[in-house]
Amino acid sequence: MSFYGLIWRLLPGPTALKVVEAAVLVLAVVAVLFVWVFPAVAPFMPFNDTTVGQ
């Protein structure tokens, strides 16, 4: 059993409503990542540690 299949079965309503609900869930996850997770992790990432020009 896949995780996505489980989510699809748990969403209420007909197929069209499930598509809208799934899209809202994806957008909510993306928003949480961009608002809280990525800013919290950014200081620990090595992308801004440059050694050229110092």
Protein backbone atom coordinates (compact mmCIF):
# COMPACT_ATOMS: atom_id res chain seq x y z
CA MET A 1 0.00 0.00 0.00
CA SER A 2 1.44 3.34 -0.98
CA PHE A 3 1.34 6.51 1.07
CA TYR A 4 -0.30 8.44 -1.77
CA GLY A 5 -2.99 5.82 -2.20
CA LEU A 6 -3.78 6.02 1.49
CA ILE A 7 -4.12 9.81 1.32
CA TRP A 8 -6.31 9.51 -1.77
CA ARG A 9 -8.64 7.04 -0.03
CA LEU A 10 -8.85 9.23 3.11
CA LEU A 11 -9.88 12.37 1.22
CA PRO A 12 -13.66 12.78 1.23
CA GLY A 13 -15.83 13.49 -1.78
CA PRO A 14 -15.91 12.66 -5.47
CA THR A 15 -12.82 12.59 -7.69
CA ALA A 16 -12.99 16.27 -8.70
CA LEU A 17 -13.12 17.35 -5.06
CA LYS A 18 -10.29 14.99 -4.17
CA VAL A 19 -8.11 16.61 -6.84
CA VAL A 20 -8.78 20.06 -5.37
CA GLU A 21 -8.15 18.82 -1.83
CA ALA A 22 -4.90 17.13 -2.88
CA ALA A 23 -3.74 20.34 -4.59
CA VAL A 24 -4.51 22.33 -1.43
CA LEU A 25 -2.53 19.82 0.65
CA VAL A 26 0.46 20.08 -1.70
CA LEU A 27 0.34 23.89 -1.60
CA ALA A 28 0.13 23.82 2.20
CA VAL A 29 3.19 21.58 2.44
CA VAL A 30 5.14 23.82 0.04
CA ALA A 31 4.12 26.91 2.04
CA VAL A 32 5.25 25.33 5.33
CA LEU A 33 8.58 24.39 3.75
CA PHE A 34 9.23 27.89 2.39
CA VAL A 35 8.01 29.79 5.46
CA TRP A 36 9.47 27.73 8.32
CA VAL A 37 11.65 24.79 7.30
CA PHE A 38 13.94 26.29 4.65
CA PRO A 39 14.72 29.48 6.66
CA ALA A 40 15.51 27.36 9.73
CA VAL A 41 17.88 25.09 7.77
CA ALA A 42 19.54 27.82 5.66
CA PRO A 43 22.20 28.86 8.23
CA PHE A 44 23.50 25.29 8.32
CA MET A 45 23.89 24.93 4.54
CA PRO A 46 27.38 25.44 3.05
CA PHE A 47 26.23 27.30 -0.07
CA ASN A 48 27.21 30.74 1.25
CA ASP A 49 30.64 29.66 2.49
CA THR A 50 32.79 30.99 -0.32
CA THR A 51 36.58 30.91 -0.32
CA VAL A 52 37.23 32.97 -3.46
CA GLY A 53 37.88 36.71 -3.08
CA GLN A 54 38.52 36.88 0.64
